[in-house]
Protein backbone atom coordinates (compact mmCIF):
# COMPACT_ATOMS: atom_id res chain seq x y z
CA UNK A 1 9.32 119.77 141.27
CA UNK A 2 10.52 120.68 137.67
CA UNK A 3 13.68 119.44 138.71
CA UNK A 4 12.02 116.05 140.13
CA UNK A 5 10.26 115.83 136.95
CA UNK A 6 13.49 116.18 134.67
CA UNK A 7 15.73 113.90 136.59
CA UNK A 8 12.38 111.32 135.80
CA UNK A 9 12.47 112.27 132.21
CA UNK A 10 15.94 111.84 132.15
CA UNK A 11 15.75 108.39 133.97
CA UNK A 12 12.88 107.12 131.67
CA UNK A 13 15.27 108.32 128.27
CA UNK A 14 18.50 106.25 129.62
CA UNK A 15 16.00 103.27 130.86
CA UNK A 16 14.87 103.48 126.96
CA UNK A 17 18.21 103.62 125.50
CA UNK A 18 20.21 100.89 127.58
CA UNK A 19 16.83 98.28 126.68
CA UNK A 20 16.98 99.14 123.06
CA UNK A 21 20.55 98.66 123.07
CA UNK A 22 20.86 95.64 125.16
CA UNK A 23 18.84 93.74 122.83
CA UNK A 24 21.69 94.04 120.40
CA UNK A 25 24.28 91.51 119.58
CA UNK A 26 27.23 90.54 118.07
CA UNK A 27 27.20 87.51 115.32
CA UNK A 28 29.30 85.17 113.34
CA UNK A 29 29.76 81.73 112.21
CA UNK A 30 32.93 79.80 112.24
CA UNK A 31 32.91 78.11 108.45
CA UNK A 32 33.95 74.97 107.39
CA UNK A 33 36.31 75.62 103.64
CA UNK A 34 34.38 76.41 100.90
CA UNK A 35 34.03 73.48 98.77
CA UNK A 36 36.48 74.03 96.13
CA UNK A 37 39.38 74.39 98.72
CA UNK A 38 38.35 70.92 100.17
CA UNK A 39 38.49 69.55 96.46
CA UNK A 40 41.90 71.21 95.85
CA UNK A 41 43.70 69.81 99.28
CA UNK A 42 42.06 66.78 98.65
CA UNK A 43 44.25 66.57 95.20
CA UNK A 44 47.36 67.83 96.71
CA UNK A 45 47.06 65.08 99.57
CA UNK A 46 46.54 62.23 97.30
CA UNK A 47 49.22 63.19 95.40
CA UNK A 48 51.85 63.89 98.09
CA UNK A 49 50.20 61.86 101.12
CA UNK A 50 51.28 64.71 103.81
CA UNK A 51 48.97 63.27 106.51
CA UNK A 52 50.58 60.53 108.45
CA UNK A 53 47.17 59.38 109.07
CA UNK A 54 46.45 58.50 105.62
CA UNK A 55 49.60 56.55 105.63
CA UNK A 56 49.71 55.12 108.33
CA UNK A 57 46.16 53.75 107.04
CA UNK A 58 47.65 52.76 103.71
CA UNK A 59 50.65 50.70 105.05
CA UNK A 60 47.97 48.66 107.76
CA UNK A 61 45.15 48.22 104.32
CA UNK A 62 46.29 45.07 102.54
CA UNK A 63 46.57 45.25 98.52
CA UNK A 64 45.42 49.30 97.68
CA UNK A 65 43.84 52.02 98.99
CA UNK A 66 40.84 53.09 96.90
CA UNK A 67 40.87 56.72 96.06
CA UNK A 68 37.21 57.35 97.48
CA UNK A 69 38.58 56.03 101.21
CA UNK A 70 41.30 58.22 101.01
CA UNK A 71 38.99 61.43 100.08
CA UNK A 72 36.84 60.70 103.20
CA UNK A 73 39.90 60.43 104.79
CA UNK A 74 40.86 63.94 103.13
CA UNK A 75 37.49 65.53 104.14
CA UNK A 76 37.30 64.64 107.87
CA UNK A 77 40.75 65.93 108.06
CA UNK A 78 39.89 69.00 106.35
CA UNK A 79 35.92 69.54 107.97
CA UNK A 80 37.02 70.00 111.71
CA UNK A 81 33.80 70.04 114.31
CA UNK A 82 32.50 73.88 114.23
CA UNK A 83 31.38 73.40 117.58
CA UNK A 84 33.24 73.64 120.99
CA UNK A 85 36.01 76.97 120.06
CA UNK A 86 35.54 79.43 123.13
CA UNK A 87 35.43 83.53 122.73
CA UNK A 88 35.27 86.12 124.50
CA UNK A 89 33.94 89.40 124.64
CA UNK A 90 33.55 92.37 126.82
CA UNK A 91 33.49 89.89 130.50
CA UNK A 92 31.08 87.35 128.25
CA UNK A 93 32.32 84.28 127.52
CA UNK A 94 30.54 82.05 124.43
CA UNK A 95 31.04 78.49 122.96
CA UNK A 96 30.76 78.06 119.21
CA UNK A 97 27.51 76.09 118.38
CA UNK A 98 27.02 72.79 116.47
CA UNK A 99 26.51 75.47 113.53
CA UNK A 100 29.68 77.22 114.74
CA UNK A 101 27.51 80.22 116.49
CA UNK A 102 29.59 82.30 118.40
CA UNK A 103 27.08 85.62 119.86
CA UNK A 104 27.47 88.40 122.32
CA UNK A 105 25.20 91.27 123.80
CA UNK A 106 26.70 94.28 121.44
CA UNK A 107 28.47 96.76 124.40
CA UNK A 108 30.20 99.24 121.84
CA UNK A 109 28.89 101.22 119.71
CA UNK A 110 31.40 102.18 116.76
CA UNK A 111 31.27 99.71 113.96
CA UNK A 112 34.18 97.94 113.92
CA UNK A 113 35.18 94.95 115.54
CA UNK A 114 39.01 93.01 116.18
CA UNK A 115 39.00 89.41 116.51
CA UNK A 116 42.02 88.01 118.44
CA UNK A 117 43.16 84.27 117.35
CA UNK A 118 45.60 83.25 120.30
CA UNK A 119 45.34 80.20 122.72
CA UNK A 120 45.67 82.00 126.03
CA UNK A 121 45.25 85.91 127.23
CA UNK A 122 46.03 87.30 130.51
CA UNK A 123 43.29 88.68 133.22
CA UNK A 124 45.14 92.20 135.13
CA UNK A 125 43.44 92.45 138.26
CA UNK A 126 42.40 96.11 139.90
CA UNK A 127 41.94 95.21 143.43
CA UNK A 128 40.70 91.55 144.16
CA UNK A 129 38.79 90.22 141.54
CA UNK A 130 38.31 93.50 139.58
CA UNK A 131 39.59 92.89 136.27
CA UNK A 132 41.50 95.83 135.09
CA UNK A 133 41.62 94.84 131.43
CA UNK A 134 43.03 91.85 129.62
CA UNK A 135 46.20 91.26 127.45
CA UNK A 136 47.85 88.48 125.21
CA UNK A 137 50.15 86.67 126.88
CA UNK A 138 54.03 86.88 126.20
CA UNK A 139 54.49 83.37 125.64
CA UNK A 140 52.07 82.63 123.21
CA UNK A 141 52.96 86.09 120.99
CA UNK A 142 54.01 84.07 118.10
CA UNK A 143 51.19 82.20 117.97
CA UNK A 144 48.60 85.37 117.69
CA UNK A 145 47.04 87.03 115.06
CA UNK A 146 44.46 90.14 114.90
CA UNK A 147 42.02 91.19 112.16
CA UNK A 148 40.01 94.03 112.00
CA UNK A 149 36.44 93.88 111.32
CA UNK A 150 35.14 97.29 109.69
CA UNK A 151 31.67 98.88 108.49
CA UNK A 152 32.63 101.42 105.73
CA UNK A 153 30.42 102.77 103.30
CA UNK A 154 31.34 103.10 99.63
CA UNK A 155 30.56 106.20 96.65
CA UNK A 156 27.43 104.62 96.30
CA UNK A 157 26.58 104.19 99.73
CA UNK A 158 26.58 100.65 99.79
CA UNK A 159 27.67 98.92 103.53
CA UNK A 160 30.87 96.71 103.67
CA UNK A 161 32.85 94.88 105.83
CA UNK A 162 36.76 95.70 105.31
CA UNK A 163 38.73 93.17 106.71
CA UNK A 164 42.81 93.99 107.41
CA UNK A 165 45.49 92.53 109.41
CA UNK A 166 46.31 94.36 111.92
CA UNK A 167 50.03 94.19 113.59
CA UNK A 168 50.12 93.10 117.11
CA UNK A 169 50.39 95.92 120.25
CA UNK A 170 53.52 96.49 121.54
CA UNK A 171 52.21 96.60 124.99
CA UNK A 172 50.51 93.68 124.67
CA UNK A 173 46.94 95.36 126.21
CA UNK A 174 44.18 94.16 124.45
CA UNK A 175 41.26 96.85 122.54
CA UNK A 176 38.08 96.94 124.39
CA UNK A 177 36.47 96.54 121.12
CA UNK A 178 37.90 93.06 120.50
CA UNK A 179 36.37 89.41 120.85
CA UNK A 180 39.04 86.74 121.88
CA UNK A 181 39.32 83.34 119.49
CA UNK A 182 41.23 81.21 121.91
CA UNK A 183 42.67 78.71 119.66
CA UNK A 184 45.82 78.26 117.70
CA UNK A 185 45.77 80.59 114.71
CA UNK A 186 47.14 77.62 112.50
CA UNK A 187 43.10 75.98 113.18
CA UNK A 188 41.43 79.66 111.69
CA UNK A 189 41.93 81.14 108.25
CA UNK A 190 40.54 84.44 107.65
CA UNK A 191 40.64 85.87 104.35
CA UNK A 192 40.71 89.64 104.21
CA UNK A 193 39.23 92.25 101.55
CA UNK A 194 36.17 93.78 101.31
CA UNK A 195 32.41 91.87 102.01
CA UNK A 196 29.21 93.30 101.19
CA UNK A 197 26.87 93.93 103.89
CA UNK A 198 23.47 95.70 104.62
CA UNK A 199 22.47 98.05 107.42
CA UNK A 200 21.96 97.10 110.97
CA UNK A 201 22.01 97.86 114.68
CA UNK A 202 24.37 94.29 114.99
CA UNK A 203 27.71 93.31 114.62
CA UNK A 204 26.82 90.51 111.60
CA UNK A 205 30.60 89.63 110.61
CA UNK A 206 30.50 88.15 107.14
CA UNK A 207 31.15 84.53 106.81
CA UNK A 208 34.80 84.38 106.32
CA UNK A 209 36.10 82.91 109.21
CA UNK A 210 36.73 79.18 108.44
CA UNK A 211 37.81 76.20 110.92
CA UNK A 212 40.59 74.60 109.71
CA UNK A 213 41.81 72.39 112.46
CA UNK A 214 41.03 71.53 115.94
CA UNK A 215 44.94 71.32 116.85
CA UNK A 216 45.31 71.70 121.05
CA UNK A 217 41.51 72.54 121.23
CA UNK A 218 41.41 70.90 124.94
CA UNK A 219 44.25 72.27 126.53
CA UNK A 220 42.98 75.74 125.76
CA UNK A 221 39.35 74.61 127.05
CA UNK A 222 41.72 73.47 130.36
CA UNK A 223 43.66 76.53 130.31
CA UNK A 224 40.61 78.62 130.84
CA UNK A 225 38.36 77.10 133.43
CA UNK A 226 40.10 78.94 136.54
CA UNK A 227 39.12 82.51 134.16
CA UNK A 228 35.55 81.48 133.86
CA UNK A 229 34.43 83.07 137.28
CA UNK A 230 35.17 86.15 135.38
CA UNK A 231 33.01 86.16 133.03
CA UNK A 232 29.15 85.49 132.05
CA UNK A 233 27.92 82.93 130.31
CA UNK A 234 25.91 82.38 126.96
CA UNK A 235 23.69 80.59 126.71
CA UNK A 236 20.51 79.77 124.05
CA UNK A 237 17.17 78.42 124.76
CA UNK A 238 14.70 76.95 121.96
CA UNK A 239 10.94 78.56 122.54
CA UNK A 240 8.32 76.69 120.29
CA UNK A 241 6.01 79.39 119.00
CA UNK A 242 3.81 77.27 116.93
CA UNK A 243 2.90 73.54 115.88
CA UNK A 244 6.31 73.53 113.31
CA UNK A 245 8.24 76.90 114.21
CA UNK A 246 10.57 76.74 117.32
CA UNK A 247 12.14 80.11 118.20
CA UNK A 248 15.97 80.00 119.17
CA UNK A 249 16.76 82.80 121.91
CA UNK A 250 19.98 83.66 122.67
CA UNK A 251 19.82 84.68 126.25
CA UNK A 252 22.65 86.09 128.78
CA UNK A 253 23.01 83.45 131.81
């Protein structure tokens, strides 16, 4: 009887821990570049006229094209849409929403995360449809970058994220503590360094993941179609909690 009670207590304890951890999330936002960077890019663009689209616009427009029109075209180029980027983590798949949000249920305990930016990965199967692990696709090694986000504490007990670029693994194997952002690295800019943060059970990455392009994202989406059945989708739903309040819930679908 005592053994049965102990087993029951252990079951309740484990169930409680799993329930607690199931609410913890990985959260990060894709951002548009800072305004200062966009302004500088506009100046460079207006001076050098390096974008074909704007050069063609100049040729086709009668007379002299106004500076305002050029700036508007430049902003469209340097501020691409934040939505539609595909991300993978621990058997889940998510797509960035119009605000650039990507979120997953947290499935590891270490305060660190590898962010891998690559157009394609390989799923290594153990038996049948069971995926053993993920690997980088050797064909796209030159188009792959890895960043380590690691939460640390300084001498004043202040928490911060240390962001560093990492070497690619020699065996191409993807660390289980990784979120894979399926796009070309030229579309994403991540400045390295230290970023202050607060204590949290969630992994909330700093706002330093900038979208600077959407090149070939459509091809990436087509490439992942065959592998989508191996990943659980993350969905969003809204719940009204008052006359003027709406709660947005992230759920597994």
